[in-house]
Amino acid sequence: MRKTARKRRWVIALVAVALLGAFFYGAGALFFGSSDDDPELIFDRTWLTPVPEGDREFLHAMIVIRAYDMGLFYKASRYRVEEELFELDHDARTLKMRFPQTGRRATVRYTVSACDDMPPFELCLDLNRNPWGGPRRYYAFRDDEDAEDHGFGPFLLHRPSPLLDRR
């Protein structure tokens, strides 16, 4: 009987610790924000890699345009430019891509989070894989004013171009 009472106390203690942990985790996210931002931030924003230092190093970019369910991968050095459009289906944290040029398909899971590892950018986009062969992490600004203040105005997507509407 003594062992049963001890086991019961341990179970109650473990459940109490788990409940307290869950409460404080939820309260922390409520008061301090969570590390994961809104997955909707992936849309209508230019995602970039760090600006290259050498002439032959590549700058990568990714754009996902919600209004047209399409996106673009972009790769450029001083001497070479490559880009490819993709059609898109999406849900909360998954992009289902189809590349019309080749017919290839890819499913990519992603997270958007606040980050400060590449100032002046404020957001990180992490892909579980990059179907175009580029990096799995991209950076962006939270809003257009910050991007313009740091000289990235030409990279902004204020609204999708009607020229892209070919459906």
Protein backbone atom coordinates (compact mmCIF):
# COMPACT_ATOMS: atom_id res chain seq x y z
CA MET A 1 0.00 0.00 0.00
CA ARG A 2 2.88 2.29 0.71
CA LYS A 3 4.31 1.91 -2.82
CA THR A 4 0.91 2.72 -4.33
CA ALA A 5 0.66 5.95 -2.32
CA ARG A 6 4.19 6.96 -3.40
CA LYS A 7 3.41 6.24 -7.04
CA ARG A 8 0.23 8.26 -6.76
CA ARG A 9 2.15 11.23 -5.28
CA TRP A 10 4.74 11.03 -8.09
CA VAL A 11 2.02 10.92 -10.74
CA ILE A 12 0.24 13.89 -9.14
CA ALA A 13 3.54 15.80 -8.92
CA LEU A 14 4.39 15.08 -12.57
CA VAL A 15 0.92 16.13 -13.72
CA ALA A 16 1.18 19.33 -11.66
CA VAL A 17 4.59 20.16 -13.13
CA ALA A 18 3.29 19.50 -16.65
CA LEU A 19 0.24 21.70 -16.07
CA LEU A 20 2.37 24.51 -14.61
CA GLY A 21 4.78 24.26 -17.53
CA ALA A 22 1.92 24.42 -20.02
CA PHE A 23 0.41 27.41 -18.20
CA PHE A 24 3.68 29.35 -18.09
CA TYR A 25 4.49 28.49 -21.71
CA GLY A 26 1.06 29.81 -22.77
CA ALA A 27 1.36 32.89 -20.56
CA GLY A 28 4.84 33.58 -21.92
CA ALA A 29 3.60 33.43 -25.48
CA LEU A 30 0.64 35.62 -24.58
CA PHE A 31 2.71 38.33 -22.87
CA PHE A 32 6.03 38.15 -24.71
CA GLY A 33 5.00 36.80 -28.12
CA SER A 34 6.10 33.49 -29.49
CA SER A 35 9.14 32.87 -31.64
CA ASP A 36 6.85 31.82 -34.51
CA ASP A 37 5.15 34.68 -36.28
CA ASP A 38 2.06 34.57 -38.40
CA PRO A 39 2.59 32.17 -41.32
CA GLU A 40 0.66 34.65 -43.49
CA LEU A 41 3.73 36.92 -43.41
CA ILE A 42 5.25 34.78 -46.18
CA PHE A 43 2.92 36.39 -48.72
CA ASP A 44 3.46 39.58 -50.77
CA ARG A 45 6.92 40.23 -49.40
CA THR A 46 10.37 39.91 -50.94
CA TRP A 47 12.54 37.38 -49.10
CA LEU A 48 16.29 37.83 -49.64
CA THR A 49 19.58 36.23 -48.71
CA PRO A 50 22.50 38.37 -47.52
CA VAL A 51 23.96 40.65 -50.18
CA PRO A 52 26.98 38.87 -51.68
CA GLU A 53 30.46 40.30 -51.30
CA GLY A 54 32.01 38.95 -54.50
CA ASP A 55 31.01 39.50 -58.11
CA ARG A 56 30.43 35.78 -58.70
CA GLU A 57 28.52 35.09 -55.50
CA PHE A 58 24.75 34.85 -55.76
CA LEU A 59 21.94 36.83 -54.21
CA HIS A 60 18.84 34.65 -53.83
CA ALA A 61 15.28 35.90 -53.52
CA MET A 62 11.87 34.33 -53.13
CA ILE A 63 8.49 35.98 -53.58
CA VAL A 64 5.09 34.40 -52.91
CA ILE A 65 2.14 36.38 -54.32
CA ARG A 66 -1.17 35.47 -52.70
CA ALA A 67 -3.50 37.23 -55.18
CA TYR A 68 -2.26 35.12 -58.09
CA ASP A 69 -1.31 31.92 -56.23
CA MET A 70 2.17 32.06 -57.70
CA GLY A 71 5.71 32.79 -56.69
CA LEU A 72 9.19 33.33 -57.99
CA PHE A 73 12.64 32.03 -57.17
CA TYR A 74 15.44 34.37 -58.23
CA LYS A 75 19.23 33.93 -58.26
CA ALA A 76 21.71 36.52 -59.54
CA SER A 77 25.38 37.39 -59.48
CA ARG A 78 26.94 40.32 -61.25
CA TYR A 79 27.28 38.19 -64.40
CA ARG A 80 24.33 35.79 -64.36
CA VAL A 81 20.60 35.93 -63.59
CA GLU A 82 18.20 33.01 -63.24
CA GLU A 83 14.56 33.01 -62.22
CA GLU A 84 11.64 30.63 -62.32
CA LEU A 85 7.95 31.12 -61.64
CA PHE A 86 5.91 28.57 -59.73
CA GLU A 87 2.19 28.04 -59.32
CA LEU A 88 1.00 27.57 -55.78
CA ASP A 89 -1.49 25.89 -53.49
CA HIS A 90 -1.04 26.59 -49.80
CA ASP A 91 -2.34 26.00 -46.33
CA ALA A 92 -1.20 27.17 -42.90
CA ARG A 93 2.51 26.30 -43.16
CA THR A 94 2.82 24.36 -46.41
CA LEU A 95 3.42 25.49 -49.99
CA LYS A 96 2.59 23.08 -52.81
CA MET A 97 4.52 24.31 -55.84
CA ARG A 98 4.31 23.43 -59.51
CA PHE A 99 6.98 24.71 -61.87
CA PRO A 100 5.24 25.20 -65.27
CA GLN A 101 8.47 25.21 -67.30
CA THR A 102 9.50 21.72 -66.23
CA GLY A 103 6.31 20.31 -64.73
CA ARG A 104 8.20 19.56 -61.50
CA ARG A 105 6.22 19.59 -58.25
CA ALA A 106 7.38 20.19 -54.70
CA THR A 107 5.82 20.45 -51.27
CA VAL A 108 7.65 22.73 -48.84
CA ARG A 109 6.92 23.30 -45.16
CA TYR A 110 7.94 26.68 -43.76
CA THR A 111 8.06 28.86 -40.67
CA VAL A 112 8.22 32.63 -40.40
CA SER A 113 9.78 33.99 -37.22
CA ALA A 114 11.12 37.19 -35.77
CA CYS A 115 14.91 37.15 -35.90
CA ASP A 116 17.87 39.44 -35.54
CA ASP A 117 20.71 37.31 -36.89
CA MET A 118 20.99 39.36 -40.14
CA PRO A 119 20.39 43.05 -39.32
CA PRO A 120 18.65 45.15 -40.53
CA PHE A 121 16.20 42.36 -41.48
CA GLU A 122 13.56 41.50 -38.88
CA LEU A 123 11.99 38.29 -40.16
CA CYS A 124 13.34 34.88 -41.10
CA LEU A 125 11.71 32.45 -43.48
CA ASP A 126 12.90 28.88 -42.96
CA LEU A 127 12.06 26.21 -45.53
CA ASN A 128 12.37 22.51 -44.75
CA ARG A 129 13.88 22.20 -48.25
CA ASN A 130 14.42 24.42 -51.26
CA PRO A 131 13.17 22.75 -54.45
CA TRP A 132 15.10 25.24 -56.57
CA GLY A 133 18.42 24.35 -54.96
CA GLY A 134 18.93 27.65 -53.15
CA PRO A 135 19.20 28.41 -49.45
CA ARG A 136 16.72 27.22 -46.87
CA ARG A 137 16.71 30.55 -44.96
CA TYR A 138 15.63 33.94 -46.32
CA TYR A 139 15.27 37.35 -44.65
CA ALA A 140 12.74 40.18 -44.91
CA PHE A 141 11.52 43.34 -43.26
CA ARG A 142 8.34 43.37 -41.20
CA ASP A 143 6.96 46.42 -43.02
CA ASP A 144 7.60 48.57 -46.08
CA GLU A 145 8.77 51.62 -44.12
CA ASP A 146 11.65 49.68 -42.56
CA ALA A 147 12.67 48.35 -45.97
CA GLU A 148 12.62 51.83 -47.51
CA ASP A 149 14.56 53.29 -44.57
CA HIS A 150 17.34 50.76 -45.22
CA GLY A 151 17.50 51.31 -49.00
CA PHE A 152 15.52 48.22 -50.03
CA GLY A 153 12.64 50.15 -51.61
CA PRO A 154 13.15 48.67 -55.11
CA PHE A 155 12.67 45.16 -53.67
CA LEU A 156 9.22 45.92 -52.24
CA LEU A 157 6.07 44.25 -53.50
CA HIS A 158 3.47 46.95 -52.93
CA ARG A 159 0.88 45.06 -54.96
CA PRO A 160 0.98 42.35 -57.58
CA SER A 161 1.29 43.51 -61.17
CA PRO A 162 -1.70 43.03 -63.49
CA LEU A 163 0.83 41.75 -66.04
CA LEU A 164 1.18 38.60 -63.95
CA ASP A 165 -2.53 37.79 -64.24
CA ARG A 166 -2.47 35.32 -67.12
CA ARG A 167 -5.17 32.91 -65.89
